[in-house]
Amino acid sequence: MTPREVIRMVFEGKKTPYVPWQFSFTHEAHQKLADHYGTHQLDPYLKPHFNSIDTWRLTDIGNDCVRDEFGVVWDHSQDKDIGVVKGCLLPEPSLRGFDFPDPLAHPLFRTIDADLAGASDRCTMFDIGFSFYERAWTLRGIENLYMDFVENPKFVHQLLGTIADHNIAMIREAVKHDIDVVHMGDDWGGQHGLLMGPKHWYEFIYPQLKRMYAAIHAGGKFVSIHSCGDVDELLDDLVDIGLNCFNPFQPEVMDVETLMPQYRGRLAFYGGLSTQRVLPYATPEGVRKASRHLLNLGHAGGYIFAPAHSVEGDVPLENMLAAIETATSQLGG
């Protein structure tokens, strides 16, 4: 059975022959592994189950800064992986004079079929990062957007509706190709509940999610999301509008032992290995113990083992190897 087939079983709520896995690393953590294995080509050691087609394209503009396809400038002088937004493209609550990029002219569509051909045995994830609410605040500024929730609700509806229209156009093109799932990154939670509160989430975000998820399912694909933080209060409504898989499943703010059996057959979880406590601070044996515990919980199905976020550079190499070897040893050899 191929990794692609195993992941599809997870999304369909079926019991799998083993618990599939996926690892991602920041630049610093990746370099530690590359030094250890003697190569930057880590797939033979990580045995990934996903092939990601990432929509996020960055252009180097100098001074440790990059520009994304929307024109947002990201300062990489401190954070080399994501960066910090510089400036504000929408200083006023208006879209007047701002042109969204053409979703169908995205350069990935020129190479997508060739990219897919090289990893047909893996589950292909069409990944829209900073997909919606996050795209809104990168354009407007997070403080401005939160004020707009209260003072300029009509503009917020217009902004989020336009972003959703852009995503839906991309989705309708993407589902014509041999992908399996559309994955959308959009952090809604902090360590204690929703950042914008449930009232504003349901008023502004939920209706557009419903439209986007419907477009994905209309194309015959699965829906997966990444949303950091304490957001489990939303899970039932997300399932109702078509969510198939939730990531990163943070154990510091979500009860993984309760949620996994509670939603098995209705919603898959992807993540769960603590990047705040276990990976940076446990012993290698502690990492193995935590990893085995999650694998045992996920053995009945509906689970993809992974760190709860990209592994950071403060994680000791021995702890990375402990997690990788615990997951991959399920296949033997």
C-alpha atoms as a PDB file:
ATOM      1  CA  MET A   1       0.000   0.000   0.000  1.00  0.00           C
ATOM      2  CA  THR A   2       1.419   3.397  -0.975  1.00  0.00           C
ATOM      3  CA  PRO A   3       1.683   6.359   1.424  1.00  0.00           C
ATOM      4  CA  ARG A   4      -0.946   8.086  -0.715  1.00  0.00           C
ATOM      5  CA  GLU A   5      -3.409   5.260  -0.185  1.00  0.00           C
ATOM      6  CA  VAL A   6      -2.760   5.214   3.553  1.00  0.00           C
ATOM      7  CA  ILE A   7      -3.382   8.966   3.903  1.00  0.00           C
ATOM      8  CA  ARG A   8      -6.588   8.700   1.903  1.00  0.00           C
ATOM      9  CA  MET A   9      -7.768   6.050   4.357  1.00  0.00           C
ATOM     10  CA  VAL A  10      -7.063   8.455   7.227  1.00  0.00           C
ATOM     11  CA  PHE A  11      -9.132  11.200   5.583  1.00  0.00           C
ATOM     12  CA  GLU A  12     -11.930   8.715   4.927  1.00  0.00           C
ATOM     13  CA  GLY A  13     -12.021   7.730   8.607  1.00  0.00           C
ATOM     14  CA  LYS A  14     -10.809   4.183   8.035  1.00  0.00           C
ATOM     15  CA  LYS A  15      -8.381   2.132  10.120  1.00  0.00           C
ATOM     16  CA  THR A  16      -4.931   2.141   8.531  1.00  0.00           C
ATOM     17  CA  PRO A  17      -2.300  -0.644   8.473  1.00  0.00           C
ATOM     18  CA  TYR A  18       0.036   1.687  10.390  1.00  0.00           C
ATOM     19  CA  VAL A  19      -0.049   5.308  11.559  1.00  0.00           C
ATOM     20  CA  PRO A  20       1.286   7.537   8.761  1.00  0.00           C
ATOM     21  CA  TRP A  21       3.582  10.466   9.528  1.00  0.00           C
ATOM     22  CA  GLN A  22       5.041  13.687   8.194  1.00  0.00           C
ATOM     23  CA  PHE A  23       7.874  15.911   9.416  1.00  0.00           C
ATOM     24  CA  SER A  24       8.708  19.534   8.663  1.00  0.00           C
ATOM     25  CA  PHE A  25      11.644  21.566   9.894  1.00  0.00           C
ATOM     26  CA  THR A  26      12.784  25.168  10.080  1.00  0.00           C
ATOM     27  CA  HIS A  27      15.977  26.059   8.208  1.00  0.00           C
ATOM     28  CA  GLU A  28      18.152  25.642  11.292  1.00  0.00           C
ATOM     29  CA  ALA A  29      16.676  22.268  12.248  1.00  0.00           C
ATOM     30  CA  HIS A  30      16.879  21.052   8.641  1.00  0.00           C
ATOM     31  CA  GLN A  31      20.574  21.955   8.586  1.00  0.00           C
ATOM     32  CA  LYS A  32      21.217  19.852  11.686  1.00  0.00           C
ATOM     33  CA  LEU A  33      19.697  16.840   9.957  1.00  0.00           C
ATOM     34  CA  ALA A  34      21.532  17.568   6.703  1.00  0.00           C
ATOM     35  CA  ASP A  35      24.821  17.658   8.586  1.00  0.00           C
ATOM     36  CA  HIS A  36      23.952  14.386  10.313  1.00  0.00           C
ATOM     37  CA  TYR A  37      22.902  12.518   7.166  1.00  0.00           C
ATOM     38  CA  GLY A  38      25.466  14.209   4.932  1.00  0.00           C
ATOM     39  CA  THR A  39      22.855  15.494   2.473  1.00  0.00           C
ATOM     40  CA  HIS A  40      19.999  17.974   2.167  1.00  0.00           C
ATOM     41  CA  GLN A  41      17.940  15.276   0.436  1.00  0.00           C
ATOM     42  CA  LEU A  42      16.194  13.995   3.550  1.00  0.00           C
ATOM     43  CA  ASP A  43      13.285  12.088   1.995  1.00  0.00           C
ATOM     44  CA  PRO A  44      15.041   8.673   2.083  1.00  0.00           C
ATOM     45  CA  TYR A  45      15.386   9.087   5.855  1.00  0.00           C
ATOM     46  CA  LEU A  46      12.090  10.835   6.648  1.00  0.00           C
ATOM     47  CA  LYS A  47       9.960   8.669   4.297  1.00  0.00           C
ATOM     48  CA  PRO A  48       7.325  11.426   3.883  1.00  0.00           C
ATOM     49  CA  HIS A  49       3.681  10.670   3.159  1.00  0.00           C
ATOM     50  CA  PHE A  50       2.837  14.072   1.643  1.00  0.00           C
ATOM     51  CA  ASN A  51       4.006  15.927  -1.433  1.00  0.00           C
ATOM     52  CA  SER A  52       3.232  19.621  -0.946  1.00  0.00           C
ATOM     53  CA  ILE A  53       2.489  22.048  -3.762  1.00  0.00           C
ATOM     54  CA  ASP A  54       2.987  25.375  -2.012  1.00  0.00           C
ATOM     55  CA  THR A  55       1.306  28.497  -3.369  1.00  0.00           C
ATOM     56  CA  TRP A  56       3.503  30.882  -1.352  1.00  0.00           C
ATOM     57  CA  ARG A  57       6.057  32.481  -3.676  1.00  0.00           C
ATOM     58  CA  LEU A  58       8.657  34.945  -2.377  1.00  0.00           C
ATOM     59  CA  THR A  59      10.935  37.346  -4.247  1.00  0.00           C
ATOM     60  CA  ASP A  60      14.174  38.496  -2.644  1.00  0.00           C
ATOM     61  CA  ILE A  61      14.240  42.311  -2.555  1.00  0.00           C
ATOM     62  CA  GLY A  62      17.426  42.703  -0.504  1.00  0.00           C
ATOM     63  CA  ASN A  63      18.208  43.754   3.074  1.00  0.00           C
ATOM     64  CA  ASP A  64      16.952  40.399   4.400  1.00  0.00           C
ATOM     65  CA  CYS A  65      13.488  41.132   2.995  1.00  0.00           C
ATOM     66  CA  VAL A  66      11.236  39.252   0.589  1.00  0.00           C
ATOM     67  CA  ARG A  67       7.976  40.142  -1.143  1.00  0.00           C
ATOM     68  CA  ASP A  68       5.078  37.721  -1.604  1.00  0.00           C
ATOM     69  CA  GLU A  69       2.702  37.548  -4.558  1.00  0.00           C
ATOM     70  CA  PHE A  70       0.275  40.012  -2.912  1.00  0.00           C
ATOM     71  CA  GLY A  71       3.023  42.600  -2.480  1.00  0.00           C
ATOM     72  CA  VAL A  72       3.451  42.071   1.269  1.00  0.00           C
ATOM     73  CA  VAL A  73       7.064  42.588   2.418  1.00  0.00           C
ATOM     74  CA  TRP A  74       8.455  40.160   5.004  1.00  0.00           C
ATOM     75  CA  ASP A  75      11.543  40.987   7.077  1.00  0.00           C
ATOM     76  CA  HIS A  76      13.684  37.856   7.500  1.00  0.00           C
ATOM     77  CA  SER A  77      16.439  39.487   9.560  1.00  0.00           C
ATOM     78  CA  GLN A  78      15.276  37.704  12.737  1.00  0.00           C
ATOM     79  CA  ASP A  79      12.893  34.961  11.628  1.00  0.00           C
ATOM     80  CA  LYS A  80      14.451  33.222   8.620  1.00  0.00           C
ATOM     81  CA  ASP A  81      11.463  30.938   8.026  1.00  0.00           C
ATOM     82  CA  ILE A  82       8.385  33.185   7.941  1.00  0.00           C
ATOM     83  CA  GLY A  83       9.501  36.659   8.882  1.00  0.00           C
ATOM     84  CA  VAL A  84       7.719  39.759  10.118  1.00  0.00           C
ATOM     85  CA  VAL A  85       5.422  41.889   7.957  1.00  0.00           C
ATOM     86  CA  LYS A  86       6.799  45.355   7.147  1.00  0.00           C
ATOM     87  CA  GLY A  87       4.433  48.190   6.361  1.00  0.00           C
ATOM     88  CA  CYS A  88       0.744  48.113   5.569  1.00  0.00           C
ATOM     89  CA  LEU A  89      -0.626  47.784   2.029  1.00  0.00           C
ATOM     90  CA  LEU A  90      -4.145  48.806   3.085  1.00  0.00           C
ATOM     91  CA  PRO A  91      -3.639  51.765   5.473  1.00  0.00           C
ATOM     92  CA  GLU A  92      -7.322  52.699   5.145  1.00  0.00           C
ATOM     93  CA  PRO A  93     -10.407  50.420   5.364  1.00  0.00           C
ATOM     94  CA  SER A  94     -10.811  50.309   1.605  1.00  0.00           C
ATOM     95  CA  LEU A  95      -9.745  48.140  -1.347  1.00  0.00           C
ATOM     96  CA  ARG A  96      -9.730  51.171  -3.630  1.00  0.00           C
ATOM     97  CA  GLY A  97      -6.522  51.204  -5.669  1.00  0.00           C
ATOM     98  CA  PHE A  98      -5.355  47.752  -4.556  1.00  0.00           C
ATOM     99  CA  ASP A  99      -5.182  45.030  -7.202  1.00  0.00           C
ATOM    100  CA  PHE A 100      -5.254  41.389  -6.176  1.00  0.00           C
ATOM    101  CA  PRO A 101      -2.904  39.095  -8.117  1.00  0.00           C
ATOM    102  CA  ASP A 102      -4.456  37.017 -10.887  1.00  0.00           C
ATOM    103  CA  PRO A 103      -5.042  33.616  -9.236  1.00  0.00           C
ATOM    104  CA  LEU A 104      -4.900  31.752 -12.560  1.00  0.00           C
ATOM    105  CA  ALA A 105      -1.603  33.355 -13.545  1.00  0.00           C
ATOM    106  CA  HIS A 106       0.186  31.907 -10.522  1.00  0.00           C
ATOM    107  CA  PRO A 107       3.500  30.382 -11.705  1.00  0.00           C
ATOM    108  CA  LEU A 108       2.867  27.071  -9.956  1.00  0.00           C
ATOM    109  CA  PHE A 109       0.181  26.222 -12.513  1.00  0.00           C
ATOM    110  CA  ARG A 110       2.860  26.197 -15.223  1.00  0.00           C
ATOM    111  CA  THR A 111       4.750  23.376 -13.506  1.00  0.00           C
ATOM    112  CA  ILE A 112       2.152  21.619 -11.364  1.00  0.00           C
ATOM    113  CA  ASP A 113       1.768  18.512 -13.522  1.00  0.00           C
ATOM    114  CA  ALA A 114       5.531  17.976 -13.707  1.00  0.00           C
ATOM    115  CA  ASP A 115       5.793  18.529  -9.955  1.00  0.00           C
ATOM    116  CA  LEU A 116       3.077  15.980  -9.314  1.00  0.00           C
ATOM    117  CA  ALA A 117       4.603  13.365 -11.588  1.00  0.00           C
ATOM    118  CA  GLY A 118       7.685  13.041  -9.403  1.00  0.00           C
ATOM    119  CA  ALA A 119       5.835  11.904  -6.278  1.00  0.00           C
ATOM    120  CA  SER A 120       2.727  10.067  -7.419  1.00  0.00           C
ATOM    121  CA  ASP A 121       3.004   7.534  -4.588  1.00  0.00           C
ATOM    122  CA  ARG A 122       2.469  10.280  -1.981  1.00  0.00           C
ATOM    123  CA  CYS A 123      -0.645  12.199  -1.005  1.00  0.00           C
ATOM    124  CA  THR A 124      -0.448  15.559  -2.767  1.00  0.00           C
ATOM    125  CA  MET A 125      -1.420  18.593  -0.727  1.00  0.00           C
ATOM    126  CA  PHE A 126      -2.212  21.859  -2.520  1.00  0.00           C
ATOM    127  CA  ASP A 127      -1.105  24.224   0.222  1.00  0.00           C
ATOM    128  CA  ILE A 128      -2.484  27.773   0.483  1.00  0.00           C
ATOM    129  CA  GLY A 129      -0.490  29.433   3.251  1.00  0.00           C
ATOM    130  CA  PHE A 130      -1.690  32.625   4.957  1.00  0.00           C
ATOM    131  CA  SER A 131      -4.870  31.674   3.233  1.00  0.00           C
ATOM    132  CA  PHE A 132      -7.667  33.854   4.534  1.00  0.00           C
ATOM    133  CA  TYR A 133      -7.883  35.698   7.880  1.00  0.00           C
ATOM    134  CA  GLU A 134      -4.085  35.741   7.905  1.00  0.00           C
ATOM    135  CA  ARG A 135      -4.005  37.136   4.374  1.00  0.00           C
ATOM    136  CA  ALA A 136      -6.387  39.855   5.541  1.00  0.00           C
ATOM    137  CA  TRP A 137      -4.193  40.974   8.426  1.00  0.00           C
ATOM    138  CA  THR A 138      -0.992  40.846   6.364  1.00  0.00           C
ATOM    139  CA  LEU A 139      -2.619  43.369   4.018  1.00  0.00           C
ATOM    140  CA  ARG A 140      -4.435  45.536   6.549  1.00  0.00           C
ATOM    141  CA  GLY A 141      -2.294  45.093   9.690  1.00  0.00           C
ATOM    142  CA  ILE A 142      -3.529  42.974  12.570  1.00  0.00           C
ATOM    143  CA  GLU A 143      -4.388  45.862  14.897  1.00  0.00           C
ATOM    144  CA  ASN A 144      -6.264  47.658  12.126  1.00  0.00           C
ATOM    145  CA  LEU A 145      -8.203  44.523  11.219  1.00  0.00           C
ATOM    146  CA  TYR A 146      -9.284  43.961  14.802  1.00  0.00           C
ATOM    147  CA  MET A 147     -10.543  47.543  14.977  1.00  0.00           C
ATOM    148  CA  ASP A 148     -12.311  47.005  11.652  1.00  0.00           C
ATOM    149  CA  PHE A 149     -14.220  44.047  13.116  1.00  0.00           C
ATOM    150  CA  VAL A 150     -16.001  46.600  15.286  1.00  0.00           C
ATOM    151  CA  GLU A 151     -15.807  49.896  13.401  1.00  0.00           C
ATOM    152  CA  ASN A 152     -15.801  48.840   9.725  1.00  0.00           C
ATOM    153  CA  PRO A 153     -17.649  45.514   9.441  1.00  0.00           C
ATOM    154  CA  LYS A 154     -18.787  46.204   5.874  1.00  0.00           C
ATOM    155  CA  PHE A 155     -15.153  46.560   4.794  1.00  0.00           C
ATOM    156  CA  VAL A 156     -14.186  43.343   6.604  1.00  0.00           C
ATOM    157  CA  HIS A 157     -16.892  41.443   4.719  1.00  0.00           C
ATOM    158  CA  GLN A 158     -15.665  42.938   1.451  1.00  0.00           C
ATOM    159  CA  LEU A 159     -12.011  42.168   2.191  1.00  0.00           C
ATOM    160  CA  LEU A 160     -12.601  38.589   3.310  1.00  0.00           C
ATOM    161  CA  GLY A 161     -15.072  37.954   0.508  1.00  0.00           C
ATOM    162  CA  THR A 162     -12.530  39.126  -2.068  1.00  0.00           C
ATOM    163  CA  ILE A 163      -9.798  36.947  -0.563  1.00  0.00           C
ATOM    164  CA  ALA A 164     -12.178  33.975  -0.590  1.00  0.00           C
ATOM    165  CA  ASP A 165     -13.015  34.665  -4.245  1.00  0.00           C
ATOM    166  CA  HIS A 166      -9.285  34.633  -5.033  1.00  0.00           C
ATOM    167  CA  ASN A 167      -8.802  31.331  -3.191  1.00  0.00           C
ATOM    168  CA  ILE A 168     -11.826  29.729  -4.830  1.00  0.00           C
ATOM    169  CA  ALA A 169     -10.493  30.610  -8.279  1.00  0.00           C
ATOM    170  CA  MET A 170      -7.183  28.944  -7.384  1.00  0.00           C
ATOM    171  CA  ILE A 171      -8.972  25.945  -5.908  1.00  0.00           C
ATOM    172  CA  ARG A 172     -11.122  25.430  -9.013  1.00  0.00           C
ATOM    173  CA  GLU A 173      -7.978  25.369 -11.129  1.00  0.00           C
ATOM    174  CA  ALA A 174      -6.033  23.172  -8.701  1.00  0.00           C
ATOM    175  CA  VAL A 175      -8.694  20.453  -8.475  1.00  0.00           C
ATOM    176  CA  LYS A 176      -8.384  19.881 -12.230  1.00  0.00           C
ATOM    177  CA  HIS A 177      -5.001  18.315 -11.473  1.00  0.00           C
ATOM    178  CA  ASP A 178      -4.025  15.105  -9.695  1.00  0.00           C
ATOM    179  CA  ILE A 179      -4.034  16.451  -6.149  1.00  0.00           C
ATOM    180  CA  ASP A 180      -5.700  14.819  -3.141  1.00  0.00           C
ATOM    181  CA  VAL A 181      -6.281  17.577  -0.635  1.00  0.00           C
ATOM    182  CA  VAL A 182      -6.386  21.362  -0.377  1.00  0.00           C
ATOM    183  CA  HIS A 183      -4.664  22.520   2.807  1.00  0.00           C
ATOM    184  CA  MET A 184      -5.268  26.041   4.104  1.00  0.00           C
ATOM    185  CA  GLY A 185      -3.163  27.746   6.789  1.00  0.00           C
ATOM    186  CA  ASP A 186      -4.971  30.263   9.002  1.00  0.00           C
ATOM    187  CA  ASP A 187      -4.114  30.688  12.710  1.00  0.00           C
ATOM    188  CA  TRP A 188      -7.210  31.613  14.707  1.00  0.00           C
ATOM    189  CA  GLY A 189      -6.217  30.649  18.240  1.00  0.00           C
ATOM    190  CA  GLY A 190      -3.978  31.646  21.094  1.00  0.00           C
ATOM    191  CA  GLN A 191      -3.101  29.571  24.125  1.00  0.00           C
ATOM    192  CA  HIS A 192      -6.552  30.330  25.580  1.00  0.00           C
ATOM    193  CA  GLY A 193      -9.282  30.552  22.965  1.00  0.00           C
ATOM    194  CA  LEU A 194      -9.920  32.407  19.733  1.00  0.00           C
ATOM    195  CA  LEU A 195      -7.867  35.511  19.033  1.00  0.00           C
ATOM    196  CA  MET A 196     -10.830  37.435  17.628  1.00  0.00           C
ATOM    197  CA  GLY A 197     -13.460  35.772  19.852  1.00  0.00           C
ATOM    198  CA  PRO A 198     -16.306  33.517  18.691  1.00  0.00           C
ATOM    199  CA  LYS A 199     -18.679  36.360  17.783  1.00  0.00           C
ATOM    200  CA  HIS A 200     -16.372  37.819  15.148  1.00  0.00           C
ATOM    201  CA  TRP A 201     -15.166  34.409  13.966  1.00  0.00           C
ATOM    202  CA  TYR A 202     -18.722  33.297  13.195  1.00  0.00           C
ATOM    203  CA  GLU A 203     -19.734  36.635  11.716  1.00  0.00           C
ATOM    204  CA  PHE A 204     -16.806  37.180   9.370  1.00  0.00           C
ATOM    205  CA  ILE A 205     -14.788  33.991   8.909  1.00  0.00           C
ATOM    206  CA  TYR A 206     -17.224  31.076   9.043  1.00  0.00           C
ATOM    207  CA  PRO A 207     -19.415  32.042   6.024  1.00  0.00           C
ATOM    208  CA  GLN A 208     -16.404  32.339   3.710  1.00  0.00           C
ATOM    209  CA  LEU A 209     -14.888  29.069   4.956  1.00  0.00           C
ATOM    210  CA  LYS A 210     -18.155  27.385   4.030  1.00  0.00           C
ATOM    211  CA  ARG A 211     -17.835  28.703   0.464  1.00  0.00           C
ATOM    212  CA  MET A 212     -14.196  27.652   0.125  1.00  0.00           C
ATOM    213  CA  TYR A 213     -14.706  24.171   1.574  1.00  0.00           C
ATOM    214  CA  ALA A 214     -17.670  23.655  -0.756  1.00  0.00           C
ATOM    215  CA  ALA A 215     -15.479  24.503  -3.764  1.00  0.00           C
ATOM    216  CA  ILE A 216     -12.885  21.945  -2.656  1.00  0.00           C
ATOM    217  CA  HIS A 217     -15.451  19.186  -2.220  1.00  0.00           C
ATOM    218  CA  ALA A 218     -17.111  20.095  -5.516  1.00  0.00           C
ATOM    219  CA  GLY A 219     -13.775  19.194  -7.116  1.00  0.00           C
ATOM    220  CA  GLY A 220     -13.733  15.837  -5.351  1.00  0.00           C
ATOM    221  CA  LYS A 221     -10.866  16.678  -2.979  1.00  0.00           C
ATOM    222  CA  PHE A 222     -10.362  16.598   0.783  1.00  0.00           C
ATOM    223  CA  VAL A 223     -10.214  19.692   3.022  1.00  0.00           C
ATOM    224  CA  SER A 224      -7.374  20.109   5.518  1.00  0.00           C
ATOM    225  CA  ILE A 225      -6.550  23.137   7.655  1.00  0.00           C
ATOM    226  CA  HIS A 226      -3.733  24.358   9.854  1.00  0.00           C
ATOM    227  CA  SER A 227      -4.819  26.566  12.730  1.00  0.00           C
ATOM    228  CA  CYS A 228      -2.607  27.013  15.750  1.00  0.00           C
ATOM    229  CA  GLY A 229      -3.970  27.464  19.243  1.00  0.00           C
ATOM    230  CA  ASP A 230      -6.999  26.611  21.329  1.00  0.00           C
ATOM    231  CA  VAL A 231      -9.735  26.315  18.698  1.00  0.00           C
ATOM    232  CA  ASP A 232     -11.424  22.995  19.509  1.00  0.00           C
ATOM    233  CA  GLU A 233     -14.688  24.849  20.222  1.00  0.00           C
ATOM    234  CA  LEU A 234     -15.001  25.205  16.423  1.00  0.00           C
ATOM    235  CA  LEU A 235     -14.459  21.575  15.446  1.00  0.00           C
ATOM    236  CA  ASP A 236     -18.098  20.473  15.230  1.00  0.00           C
ATOM    237  CA  ASP A 237     -19.041  23.388  12.975  1.00  0.00           C
ATOM    238  CA  LEU A 238     -15.934  22.895  10.839  1.00  0.00           C
ATOM    239  CA  VAL A 239     -16.830  19.240  10.355  1.00  0.00           C
ATOM    240  CA  ASP A 240     -20.374  20.238   9.425  1.00  0.00           C
ATOM    241  CA  ILE A 241     -19.098  22.440   6.557  1.00  0.00           C
ATOM    242  CA  GLY A 242     -16.732  19.788   5.233  1.00  0.00           C
ATOM    243  CA  LEU A 243     -13.438  19.755   7.140  1.00  0.00           C
ATOM    244  CA  ASN A 244     -11.650  16.397   6.831  1.00  0.00           C
ATOM    245  CA  CYS A 245      -8.359  16.977   8.653  1.00  0.00           C
ATOM    246  CA  PHE A 246      -7.176  19.336  11.389  1.00  0.00           C
ATOM    247  CA  ASN A 247      -3.564  20.348  12.042  1.00  0.00           C
ATOM    248  CA  PRO A 248      -1.449  21.026  14.160  1.00  0.00           C
ATOM    249  CA  PHE A 249      -3.346  19.440  17.076  1.00  0.00           C
ATOM    250  CA  GLN A 250      -1.346  21.211  19.788  1.00  0.00           C
ATOM    251  CA  PRO A 251      -1.224  19.095  22.973  1.00  0.00           C
ATOM    252  CA  GLU A 252      -0.610  22.164  25.175  1.00  0.00           C
ATOM    253  CA  VAL A 253      -4.052  23.558  24.339  1.00  0.00           C
ATOM    254  CA  MET A 254      -6.035  20.568  23.019  1.00  0.00           C
ATOM    255  CA  ASP A 255      -6.860  17.315  24.800  1.00  0.00           C
ATOM    256  CA  VAL A 256      -5.494  14.867  22.238  1.00  0.00           C
ATOM    257  CA  GLU A 257      -6.491  11.803  24.251  1.00  0.00           C
ATOM    258  CA  THR A 258     -10.146  12.884  24.329  1.00  0.00           C
ATOM    259  CA  LEU A 259     -10.464  14.471  20.893  1.00  0.00           C
ATOM    260  CA  MET A 260      -8.919  11.669  18.850  1.00  0.00           C
ATOM    261  CA  PRO A 261     -11.510   8.981  19.796  1.00  0.00           C
ATOM    262  CA  GLN A 262     -14.316  11.546  20.006  1.00  0.00           C
ATOM    263  CA  TYR A 263     -13.938  12.567  16.353  1.00  0.00           C
ATOM    264  CA  ARG A 264     -12.635   9.311  14.876  1.00  0.00           C
ATOM    265  CA  GLY A 265     -14.529   8.569  11.666  1.00  0.00           C
ATOM    266  CA  ARG A 266     -15.606  12.220  11.286  1.00  0.00           C
ATOM    267  CA  LEU A 267     -12.374  14.224  11.485  1.00  0.00           C
ATOM    268  CA  ALA A 268      -8.725  13.264  11.172  1.00  0.00           C
ATOM    269  CA  PHE A 269      -6.017  14.887  13.263  1.00  0.00           C
ATOM    270  CA  TYR A 270      -2.503  15.666  12.027  1.00  0.00           C
ATOM    271  CA  GLY A 271       0.214  16.672  14.489  1.00  0.00           C
ATOM    272  CA  GLY A 272       0.179  16.277  18.243  1.00  0.00           C
ATOM    273  CA  LEU A 273       3.856  15.875  19.195  1.00  0.00           C
ATOM    274  CA  SER A 274       4.697  18.838  21.414  1.00  0.00           C
ATOM    275  CA  THR A 275       7.167  21.329  19.959  1.00  0.00           C
ATOM    276  CA  GLN A 276       6.828  23.559  23.032  1.00  0.00           C
ATOM    277  CA  ARG A 277       7.729  21.051  25.735  1.00  0.00           C
ATOM    278  CA  VAL A 278       8.657  17.562  24.559  1.00  0.00           C
ATOM    279  CA  LEU A 279      10.891  18.002  21.514  1.00  0.00           C
ATOM    280  CA  PRO A 280      13.086  20.825  22.863  1.00  0.00           C
ATOM    281  CA  TYR A 281      13.318  19.718  26.510  1.00  0.00           C
ATOM    282  CA  ALA A 282      12.712  15.968  26.886  1.00  0.00           C
ATOM    283  CA  THR A 283      15.386  13.314  26.706  1.00  0.00           C
ATOM    284  CA  PRO A 284      15.520  11.182  23.543  1.00  0.00           C
ATOM    285  CA  GLU A 285      13.776   8.418  25.476  1.00  0.00           C
ATOM    286  CA  GLY A 286      11.123  10.918  26.559  1.00  0.00           C
ATOM    287  CA  VAL A 287      10.555  11.820  22.894  1.00  0.00           C
ATOM    288  CA  ARG A 288      10.261   8.130  22.005  1.00  0.00           C
ATOM    289  CA  LYS A 289       7.756   7.587  24.824  1.00  0.00           C
ATOM    290  CA  ALA A 290       5.595  10.559  23.753  1.00  0.00           C
ATOM    291  CA  SER A 291       5.781   9.447  20.116  1.00  0.00           C
ATOM    292  CA  ARG A 292       4.814   5.862  20.916  1.00  0.00           C
ATOM    293  CA  HIS A 293       1.890   7.120  23.010  1.00  0.00           C
ATOM    294  CA  LEU A 294       0.521   9.130  20.084  1.00  0.00           C
ATOM    295  CA  LEU A 295       1.055   6.243  17.671  1.00  0.00           C
ATOM    296  CA  ASN A 296      -0.857   3.941  20.021  1.00  0.00           C
ATOM    297  CA  LEU A 297      -3.714   6.460  20.271  1.00  0.00           C
ATOM    298  CA  GLY A 298      -3.804   6.741  16.476  1.00  0.00           C
ATOM    299  CA  HIS A 299      -3.640   3.037  15.745  1.00  0.00           C
ATOM    300  CA  ALA A 300      -7.439   2.807  15.433  1.00  0.00           C
ATOM    301  CA  GLY A 301      -7.370   5.327  12.575  1.00  0.00           C
ATOM    302  CA  GLY A 302      -7.974   8.987  11.858  1.00  0.00           C
ATOM    303  CA  TYR A 303      -4.504  10.185  12.758  1.00  0.00           C
ATOM    304  CA  ILE A 304      -1.292  11.390  11.078  1.00  0.00           C
ATOM    305  CA  PHE A 305       1.681  11.520  13.433  1.00  0.00           C
ATOM    306  CA  ALA A 306       3.696  14.744  13.235  1.00  0.00           C
ATOM    307  CA  PRO A 307       5.247  17.451  15.381  1.00  0.00           C
ATOM    308  CA  ALA A 308       2.708  20.121  16.289  1.00  0.00           C
ATOM    309  CA  HIS A 309       4.633  22.611  14.160  1.00  0.00           C
ATOM    310  CA  SER A 310       7.806  22.769  12.099  1.00  0.00           C
ATOM    311  CA  VAL A 311      10.626  21.575  14.336  1.00  0.00           C
ATOM    312  CA  GLU A 312      12.692  24.533  15.549  1.00  0.00           C
ATOM    313  CA  GLY A 313      16.450  24.867  15.741  1.00  0.00           C
ATOM    314  CA  ASP A 314      16.455  24.622  19.555  1.00  0.00           C
ATOM    315  CA  VAL A 315      15.527  20.922  19.342  1.00  0.00           C
ATOM    316  CA  PRO A 316      18.545  18.654  19.911  1.00  0.00           C
ATOM    317  CA  LEU A 317      19.481  16.452  16.962  1.00  0.00           C
ATOM    318  CA  GLU A 318      19.086  13.354  19.133  1.00  0.00           C
ATOM    319  CA  ASN A 319      15.460  14.274  19.841  1.00  0.00           C
ATOM    320  CA  MET A 320      14.687  14.803  16.155  1.00  0.00           C
ATOM    321  CA  LEU A 321      16.176  11.405  15.363  1.00  0.00           C
ATOM    322  CA  ALA A 322      14.194   9.771  18.185  1.00  0.00           C
ATOM    323  CA  ALA A 323      10.888  11.001  16.738  1.00  0.00           C
ATOM    324  CA  ILE A 324      11.834  10.120  13.153  1.00  0.00           C
ATOM    325  CA  GLU A 325      13.044   6.632  14.039  1.00  0.00           C
ATOM    326  CA  THR A 326      10.003   5.884  16.202  1.00  0.00           C
ATOM    327  CA  ALA A 327       7.651   6.724  13.343  1.00  0.00           C
ATOM    328  CA  THR A 328       9.575   5.084  10.510  1.00  0.00           C
ATOM    329  CA  SER A 329      10.265   1.904  12.504  1.00  0.00           C
ATOM    330  CA  GLN A 330       6.591   0.994  12.041  1.00  0.00           C
ATOM    331  CA  LEU A 331       7.544  -0.158   8.543  1.00  0.00           C
ATOM    332  CA  GLY A 332      10.453  -2.268   9.804  1.00  0.00           C
ATOM    333  CA  GLY A 333      13.952  -2.349   8.373  1.00  0.00           C
END
